[in-house]
Amino acid sequence: QGYVRTFTESNVNFYPIVAVGDTASAERTVASALRPWCLRSPSGRLTEWTTGIATADMAEKIIKAVASTGLQYQVLWTP
């Protein structure tokens, strides 16, 4: 509920895109791939929130990023 309260319901969308065993490696790779669209907090740090990228494009980038790691993964959602 905190996300909805802060960003409004229309701006909060969670989709499980891939399942991986090694989440730490996958998260680092995905964060790097999405960095150009990440918002900065008031303190200047990058957040996990994004802007300027369509959901379908983001899902494609996430799948490609995880695939590039060589980790085993399962695609759970594609737009």
PDB file of N, CA and C in Angstrom:
ATOM      1  N   GLN A   1       0.802  -1.202   0.000  1.00  0.00           N
ATOM      2  CA  GLN A   1       0.000   0.000   0.000  1.00  0.00           C
ATOM      3  C   GLN A   1       0.846   1.268   0.000  1.00  0.00           C
ATOM      4  N   GLY A   2       2.052   1.193   0.534  1.00  0.00           N
ATOM      5  CA  GLY A   2       2.909   2.377   0.578  1.00  0.00           C
ATOM      6  C   GLY A   2       3.248   2.901  -0.799  1.00  0.00           C
ATOM      7  N   TYR A   3       3.511   1.997  -1.741  1.00  0.00           N
ATOM      8  CA  TYR A   3       3.823   2.418  -3.108  1.00  0.00           C
ATOM      9  C   TYR A   3       2.634   3.135  -3.731  1.00  0.00           C
ATOM     10  N   VAL A   4       1.447   2.572  -3.555  1.00  0.00           N
ATOM     11  CA  VAL A   4       0.235   3.172  -4.122  1.00  0.00           C
ATOM     12  C   VAL A   4      -0.009   4.539  -3.502  1.00  0.00           C
ATOM     13  N   ARG A   5       0.164   4.640  -2.202  1.00  0.00           N
ATOM     14  CA  ARG A   5      -0.041   5.915  -1.505  1.00  0.00           C
ATOM     15  C   ARG A   5       0.942   6.972  -2.015  1.00  0.00           C
ATOM     16  N   THR A   6       2.170   6.561  -2.273  1.00  0.00           N
ATOM     17  CA  THR A   6       3.191   7.506  -2.710  1.00  0.00           C
ATOM     18  C   THR A   6       3.064   7.879  -4.186  1.00  0.00           C
ATOM     19  N   PHE A   7       2.825   6.864  -5.041  1.00  0.00           N
ATOM     20  CA  PHE A   7       2.894   7.088  -6.493  1.00  0.00           C
ATOM     21  C   PHE A   7       1.546   7.034  -7.203  1.00  0.00           C
ATOM     22  N   THR A   8       0.473   6.721  -6.537  1.00  0.00           N
ATOM     23  CA  THR A   8      -0.884   6.502  -7.034  1.00  0.00           C
ATOM     24  C   THR A   8      -0.972   5.165  -7.775  1.00  0.00           C
ATOM     25  N   GLU A   9      -2.145   4.566  -7.710  1.00  0.00           N
ATOM     26  CA  GLU A   9      -2.355   3.219  -8.233  1.00  0.00           C
ATOM     27  C   GLU A   9      -2.017   3.094  -9.719  1.00  0.00           C
ATOM     28  N   SER A  10      -2.300   4.106 -10.508  1.00  0.00           N
ATOM     29  CA  SER A  10      -2.047   4.024 -11.947  1.00  0.00           C
ATOM     30  C   SER A  10      -0.554   4.014 -12.279  1.00  0.00           C
ATOM     31  N   ASN A  11       0.297   4.388 -11.327  1.00  0.00           N
ATOM     32  CA  ASN A  11       1.742   4.423 -11.553  1.00  0.00           C
ATOM     33  C   ASN A  11       2.487   3.261 -10.909  1.00  0.00           C
ATOM     34  N   VAL A  12       1.759   2.317 -10.337  1.00  0.00           N
ATOM     35  CA  VAL A  12       2.390   1.175  -9.670  1.00  0.00           C
ATOM     36  C   VAL A  12       1.922  -0.103 -10.355  1.00  0.00           C
ATOM     37  N   ASN A  13       2.836  -0.750 -11.069  1.00  0.00           N
ATOM     38  CA  ASN A  13       2.523  -1.984 -11.775  1.00  0.00           C
ATOM     39  C   ASN A  13       3.622  -2.993 -11.508  1.00  0.00           C
ATOM     40  N   PHE A  14       3.260  -4.138 -10.956  1.00  0.00           N
ATOM     41  CA  PHE A  14       4.222  -5.194 -10.692  1.00  0.00           C
ATOM     42  C   PHE A  14       3.873  -6.397 -11.560  1.00  0.00           C
ATOM     43  N   TYR A  15       4.845  -6.864 -12.328  1.00  0.00           N
ATOM     44  CA  TYR A  15       4.664  -8.037 -13.175  1.00  0.00           C
ATOM     45  C   TYR A  15       5.840  -8.979 -12.931  1.00  0.00           C
ATOM     46  N   PRO A  16       5.582 -10.228 -12.553  1.00  0.00           N
ATOM     47  CA  PRO A  16       6.699 -11.184 -12.456  1.00  0.00           C
ATOM     48  C   PRO A  16       7.121 -11.557 -13.873  1.00  0.00           C
ATOM     49  N   ILE A  17       8.319 -11.180 -14.274  1.00  0.00           N
ATOM     50  CA  ILE A  17       8.746 -11.354 -15.663  1.00  0.00           C
ATOM     51  C   ILE A  17       9.581 -12.613 -15.831  1.00  0.00           C
ATOM     52  N   VAL A  18      10.549 -12.839 -14.958  1.00  0.00           N
ATOM     53  CA  VAL A  18      11.355 -14.058 -15.026  1.00  0.00           C
ATOM     54  C   VAL A  18      11.547 -14.624 -13.623  1.00  0.00           C
ATOM     55  N   ALA A  19      11.757 -15.936 -13.573  1.00  0.00           N
ATOM     56  CA  ALA A  19      12.113 -16.608 -12.325  1.00  0.00           C
ATOM     57  C   ALA A  19      13.532 -17.125 -12.479  1.00  0.00           C
ATOM     58  N   VAL A  20      14.367 -16.845 -11.488  1.00  0.00           N
ATOM     59  CA  VAL A  20      15.758 -17.303 -11.492  1.00  0.00           C
ATOM     60  C   VAL A  20      16.119 -17.821 -10.111  1.00  0.00           C
ATOM     61  N   GLY A  21      17.126 -18.683 -10.073  1.00  0.00           N
ATOM     62  CA  GLY A  21      17.600 -19.178  -8.791  1.00  0.00           C
ATOM     63  C   GLY A  21      18.553 -18.198  -8.132  1.00  0.00           C
ATOM     64  N   ASP A  22      19.458 -17.619  -8.914  1.00  0.00           N
ATOM     65  CA  ASP A  22      20.465 -16.688  -8.400  1.00  0.00           C
ATOM     66  C   ASP A  22      19.945 -15.261  -8.571  1.00  0.00           C
ATOM     67  N   THR A  23      19.123 -14.836  -7.643  1.00  0.00           N
ATOM     68  CA  THR A  23      18.501 -13.521  -7.791  1.00  0.00           C
ATOM     69  C   THR A  23      19.494 -12.376  -7.703  1.00  0.00           C
ATOM     70  N   ALA A  24      20.548 -12.526  -6.917  1.00  0.00           N
ATOM     71  CA  ALA A  24      21.514 -11.426  -6.756  1.00  0.00           C
ATOM     72  C   ALA A  24      22.186 -11.087  -8.087  1.00  0.00           C
ATOM     73  N   SER A  25      22.658 -12.098  -8.806  1.00  0.00           N
ATOM     74  CA  SER A  25      23.297 -11.853 -10.109  1.00  0.00           C
ATOM     75  C   SER A  25      22.309 -11.269 -11.101  1.00  0.00           C
ATOM     76  N   ALA A  26      21.115 -11.829 -11.123  1.00  0.00           N
ATOM     77  CA  ALA A  26      20.096 -11.350 -12.058  1.00  0.00           C
ATOM     78  C   ALA A  26      19.720  -9.903 -11.755  1.00  0.00           C
ATOM     79  N   GLU A  27      19.551  -9.577 -10.485  1.00  0.00           N
ATOM     80  CA  GLU A  27      19.176  -8.211 -10.118  1.00  0.00           C
ATOM     81  C   GLU A  27      20.246  -7.206 -10.507  1.00  0.00           C
ATOM     82  N   ARG A  28      21.503  -7.542 -10.303  1.00  0.00           N
ATOM     83  CA  ARG A  28      22.588  -6.621 -10.692  1.00  0.00           C
ATOM     84  C   ARG A  28      22.573  -6.388 -12.205  1.00  0.00           C
ATOM     85  N   THR A  29      22.396  -7.443 -12.968  1.00  0.00           N
ATOM     86  CA  THR A  29      22.403  -7.339 -14.428  1.00  0.00           C
ATOM     87  C   THR A  29      21.202  -6.542 -14.914  1.00  0.00           C
ATOM     88  N   VAL A  30      20.040  -6.815 -14.352  1.00  0.00           N
ATOM     89  CA  VAL A  30      18.833  -6.084 -14.747  1.00  0.00           C
ATOM     90  C   VAL A  30      18.950  -4.618 -14.349  1.00  0.00           C
ATOM     91  N   ALA A  31      19.444  -4.342 -13.163  1.00  0.00           N
ATOM     92  CA  ALA A  31      19.603  -2.954 -12.721  1.00  0.00           C
ATOM     93  C   ALA A  31      20.512  -2.183 -13.670  1.00  0.00           C
ATOM     94  N   SER A  32      21.563  -2.820 -14.118  1.00  0.00           N
ATOM     95  CA  SER A  32      22.480  -2.174 -15.063  1.00  0.00           C
ATOM     96  C   SER A  32      21.785  -1.910 -16.398  1.00  0.00           C
ATOM     97  N   ALA A  33      21.001  -2.878 -16.865  1.00  0.00           N
ATOM     98  CA  ALA A  33      20.313  -2.731 -18.152  1.00  0.00           C
ATOM     99  C   ALA A  33      19.252  -1.632 -18.106  1.00  0.00           C
ATOM    100  N   LEU A  34      18.632  -1.434 -16.938  1.00  0.00           N
ATOM    101  CA  LEU A  34      17.548  -0.443 -16.821  1.00  0.00           C
ATOM    102  C   LEU A  34      18.011   0.909 -16.289  1.00  0.00           C
ATOM    103  N   ARG A  35      19.275   1.012 -15.978  1.00  0.00           N
ATOM    104  CA  ARG A  35      19.807   2.245 -15.378  1.00  0.00           C
ATOM    105  C   ARG A  35      19.425   3.529 -16.129  1.00  0.00           C
ATOM    106  N   PRO A  36      19.450   3.543 -17.463  1.00  0.00           N
ATOM    107  CA  PRO A  36      19.101   4.799 -18.149  1.00  0.00           C
ATOM    108  C   PRO A  36      17.684   5.309 -17.859  1.00  0.00           C
ATOM    109  N   TRP A  37      16.790   4.458 -17.391  1.00  0.00           N
ATOM    110  CA  TRP A  37      15.403   4.840 -17.134  1.00  0.00           C
ATOM    111  C   TRP A  37      15.091   4.969 -15.645  1.00  0.00           C
ATOM    112  N   CYS A  38      16.056   4.721 -14.777  1.00  0.00           N
ATOM    113  CA  CYS A  38      15.815   4.775 -13.337  1.00  0.00           C
ATOM    114  C   CYS A  38      15.742   6.215 -12.848  1.00  0.00           C
ATOM    115  N   LEU A  39      14.832   6.442 -11.927  1.00  0.00           N
ATOM    116  CA  LEU A  39      14.685   7.760 -11.325  1.00  0.00           C
ATOM    117  C   LEU A  39      15.670   7.932 -10.180  1.00  0.00           C
ATOM    118  N   ARG A  40      15.986   9.172  -9.868  1.00  0.00           N
ATOM    119  CA  ARG A  40      16.852   9.482  -8.739  1.00  0.00           C
ATOM    120  C   ARG A  40      16.005   9.935  -7.563  1.00  0.00           C
ATOM    121  N   SER A  41      16.433   9.548  -6.382  1.00  0.00           N
ATOM    122  CA  SER A  41      15.755   9.975  -5.155  1.00  0.00           C
ATOM    123  C   SER A  41      16.144  11.418  -4.865  1.00  0.00           C
ATOM    124  N   PRO A  42      15.473  12.061  -3.921  1.00  0.00           N
ATOM    125  CA  PRO A  42      15.858  13.429  -3.550  1.00  0.00           C
ATOM    126  C   PRO A  42      17.324  13.539  -3.106  1.00  0.00           C
ATOM    127  N   SER A  43      17.888  12.435  -2.591  1.00  0.00           N
ATOM    128  CA  SER A  43      19.285  12.468  -2.162  1.00  0.00           C
ATOM    129  C   SER A  43      20.247  12.217  -3.330  1.00  0.00           C
ATOM    130  N   GLY A  44      19.706  11.950  -4.535  1.00  0.00           N
ATOM    131  CA  GLY A  44      20.550  11.752  -5.709  1.00  0.00           C
ATOM    132  C   GLY A  44      20.875  10.301  -6.024  1.00  0.00           C
ATOM    133  N   ARG A  45      20.423   9.366  -5.185  1.00  0.00           N
ATOM    134  CA  ARG A  45      20.694   7.945  -5.430  1.00  0.00           C
ATOM    135  C   ARG A  45      19.694   7.394  -6.432  1.00  0.00           C
ATOM    136  N   LEU A  46      20.168   6.436  -7.246  1.00  0.00           N
ATOM    137  CA  LEU A  46      19.268   5.777  -8.183  1.00  0.00           C
ATOM    138  C   LEU A  46      18.281   4.903  -7.430  1.00  0.00           C
ATOM    139  N   THR A  47      17.054   4.869  -7.910  1.00  0.00           N
ATOM    140  CA  THR A  47      16.026   4.027  -7.317  1.00  0.00           C
ATOM    141  C   THR A  47      15.660   2.923  -8.312  1.00  0.00           C
ATOM    142  N   GLU A  48      14.777   2.021  -7.907  1.00  0.00           N
ATOM    143  CA  GLU A  48      14.299   0.978  -8.808  1.00  0.00           C
ATOM    144  C   GLU A  48      13.124   1.473  -9.649  1.00  0.00           C
ATOM    145  N   TRP A  49      12.664   2.675  -9.394  1.00  0.00           N
ATOM    146  CA  TRP A  49      11.545   3.243 -10.135  1.00  0.00           C
ATOM    147  C   TRP A  49      12.030   3.755 -11.478  1.00  0.00           C
ATOM    148  N   THR A  50      11.217   3.561 -12.509  1.00  0.00           N
ATOM    149  CA  THR A  50      11.622   3.939 -13.859  1.00  0.00           C
ATOM    150  C   THR A  50      10.613   4.881 -14.495  1.00  0.00           C
ATOM    151  N   THR A  51      11.072   5.558 -15.537  1.00  0.00           N
ATOM    152  CA  THR A  51      10.205   6.433 -16.323  1.00  0.00           C
ATOM    153  C   THR A  51      10.733   6.451 -17.753  1.00  0.00           C
ATOM    154  N   GLY A  52       9.832   6.717 -18.686  1.00  0.00           N
ATOM    155  CA  GLY A  52      10.249   6.878 -20.072  1.00  0.00           C
ATOM    156  C   GLY A  52      10.487   5.585 -20.831  1.00  0.00           C
ATOM    157  N   ILE A  53      10.025   4.459 -20.327  1.00  0.00           N
ATOM    158  CA  ILE A  53      10.177   3.184 -21.016  1.00  0.00           C
ATOM    159  C   ILE A  53       8.843   2.435 -20.921  1.00  0.00           C
ATOM    160  N   ALA A  54       8.403   1.915 -22.040  1.00  0.00           N
ATOM    161  CA  ALA A  54       7.141   1.176 -22.082  1.00  0.00           C
ATOM    162  C   ALA A  54       7.303  -0.171 -21.375  1.00  0.00           C
ATOM    163  N   THR A  55       6.229  -0.665 -20.829  1.00  0.00           N
ATOM    164  CA  THR A  55       6.250  -1.938 -20.115  1.00  0.00           C
ATOM    165  C   THR A  55       6.785  -3.057 -20.999  1.00  0.00           C
ATOM    166  N   ALA A  56       6.339  -3.118 -22.243  1.00  0.00           N
ATOM    167  CA  ALA A  56       6.794  -4.177 -23.158  1.00  0.00           C
ATOM    168  C   ALA A  56       8.295  -4.075 -23.413  1.00  0.00           C
ATOM    169  N   ASP A  57       8.793  -2.859 -23.585  1.00  0.00           N
ATOM    170  CA  ASP A  57      10.232  -2.667 -23.802  1.00  0.00           C
ATOM    171  C   ASP A  57      11.023  -3.058 -22.563  1.00  0.00           C
ATOM    172  N   MET A  58      10.501  -2.719 -21.398  1.00  0.00           N
ATOM    173  CA  MET A  58      11.189  -3.074 -20.161  1.00  0.00           C
ATOM    174  C   MET A  58      11.248  -4.590 -20.000  1.00  0.00           C
ATOM    175  N   ALA A  59      10.135  -5.275 -20.244  1.00  0.00           N
ATOM    176  CA  ALA A  59      10.112  -6.732 -20.126  1.00  0.00           C
ATOM    177  C   ALA A  59      11.131  -7.363 -21.081  1.00  0.00           C
ATOM    178  N   GLU A  60      11.199  -6.858 -22.290  1.00  0.00           N
ATOM    179  CA  GLU A  60      12.163  -7.377 -23.270  1.00  0.00           C
ATOM    180  C   GLU A  60      13.598  -7.170 -22.784  1.00  0.00           C
ATOM    181  N   LYS A  61      13.895  -6.003 -22.256  1.00  0.00           N
ATOM    182  CA  LYS A  61      15.245  -5.724 -21.751  1.00  0.00           C
ATOM    183  C   LYS A  61      15.586  -6.606 -20.556  1.00  0.00           C
ATOM    184  N   ILE A  62      14.611  -6.843 -19.687  1.00  0.00           N
ATOM    185  CA  ILE A  62      14.843  -7.699 -18.529  1.00  0.00           C
ATOM    186  C   ILE A  62      15.140  -9.132 -18.969  1.00  0.00           C
ATOM    187  N   ILE A  63      14.346  -9.658 -19.875  1.00  0.00           N
ATOM    188  CA  ILE A  63      14.559 -11.026 -20.362  1.00  0.00           C
ATOM    189  C   ILE A  63      15.918 -11.144 -21.038  1.00  0.00           C
ATOM    190  N   LYS A  64      16.272 -10.190 -21.879  1.00  0.00           N
ATOM    191  CA  LYS A  64      17.580 -10.228 -22.548  1.00  0.00           C
ATOM    192  C   LYS A  64      18.724 -10.116 -21.552  1.00  0.00           C
ATOM    193  N   ALA A  65      18.560  -9.269 -20.547  1.00  0.00           N
ATOM    194  CA  ALA A  65      19.617  -9.101 -19.544  1.00  0.00           C
ATOM    195  C   ALA A  65      19.828 -10.392 -18.771  1.00  0.00           C
ATOM    196  N   VAL A  66      18.754 -11.026 -18.341  1.00  0.00           N
ATOM    197  CA  VAL A  66      18.877 -12.279 -17.590  1.00  0.00           C
ATOM    198  C   VAL A  66      19.457 -13.370 -18.484  1.00  0.00           C
ATOM    199  N   ALA A  67      19.022 -13.428 -19.731  1.00  0.00           N
ATOM    200  CA  ALA A  67      19.552 -14.431 -20.665  1.00  0.00           C
ATOM    201  C   ALA A  67      21.058 -14.261 -20.851  1.00  0.00           C
ATOM    202  N   SER A  68      21.527 -13.022 -20.818  1.00  0.00           N
ATOM    203  CA  SER A  68      22.952 -12.762 -21.039  1.00  0.00           C
ATOM    204  C   SER A  68      23.837 -13.255 -19.897  1.00  0.00           C
ATOM    205  N   THR A  69      23.237 -13.525 -18.739  1.00  0.00           N
ATOM    206  CA  THR A  69      24.021 -13.969 -17.580  1.00  0.00           C
ATOM    207  C   THR A  69      24.407 -15.433 -17.664  1.00  0.00           C
ATOM    208  N   GLY A  70      23.695 -16.197 -18.481  1.00  0.00           N
ATOM    209  CA  GLY A  70      23.938 -17.636 -18.545  1.00  0.00           C
ATOM    210  C   GLY A  70      23.220 -18.399 -17.441  1.00  0.00           C
ATOM    211  N   LEU A  71      22.495 -17.682 -16.589  1.00  0.00           N
ATOM    212  CA  LEU A  71      21.726 -18.331 -15.526  1.00  0.00           C
ATOM    213  C   LEU A  71      20.528 -19.062 -16.128  1.00  0.00           C
ATOM    214  N   GLN A  72      20.104 -20.113 -15.467  1.00  0.00           N
ATOM    215  CA  GLN A  72      18.859 -20.746 -15.865  1.00  0.00           C
ATOM    216  C   GLN A  72      17.722 -19.858 -15.396  1.00  0.00           C
ATOM    217  N   TYR A  73      16.742 -19.675 -16.256  1.00  0.00           N
ATOM    218  CA  TYR A  73      15.610 -18.826 -15.905  1.00  0.00           C
ATOM    219  C   TYR A  73      14.367 -19.322 -16.630  1.00  0.00           C
ATOM    220  N   GLN A  74      13.232 -18.865 -16.144  1.00  0.00           N
ATOM    221  CA  GLN A  74      11.954 -19.176 -16.780  1.00  0.00           C
ATOM    222  C   GLN A  74      11.210 -17.868 -16.997  1.00  0.00           C
ATOM    223  N   VAL A  75      10.749 -17.647 -18.211  1.00  0.00           N
ATOM    224  CA  VAL A  75       9.947 -16.449 -18.492  1.00  0.00           C
ATOM    225  C   VAL A  75       8.550 -16.688 -17.930  1.00  0.00           C
ATOM    226  N   LEU A  76       8.098 -15.767 -17.104  1.00  0.00           N
ATOM    227  CA  LEU A  76       6.796 -15.877 -16.471  1.00  0.00           C
ATOM    228  C   LEU A  76       5.747 -14.990 -17.132  1.00  0.00           C
ATOM    229  N   TRP A  77       6.195 -13.916 -17.761  1.00  0.00           N
ATOM    230  CA  TRP A  77       5.248 -12.968 -18.357  1.00  0.00           C
ATOM    231  C   TRP A  77       5.911 -12.232 -19.502  1.00  0.00           C
ATOM    232  N   THR A  78       5.187 -12.131 -20.592  1.00  0.00           N
ATOM    233  CA  THR A  78       5.594 -11.268 -21.699  1.00  0.00           C
ATOM    234  C   THR A  78       4.371 -10.472 -22.107  1.00  0.00           C
ATOM    235  N   PRO A  79       4.571  -9.236 -22.464  1.00  0.00           N
ATOM    236  CA  PRO A  79       3.418  -8.396 -22.836  1.00  0.00           C
ATOM    237  C   PRO A  79       2.817  -8.801 -24.177  1.00  0.00           C
TER     238      PRO A  79
END
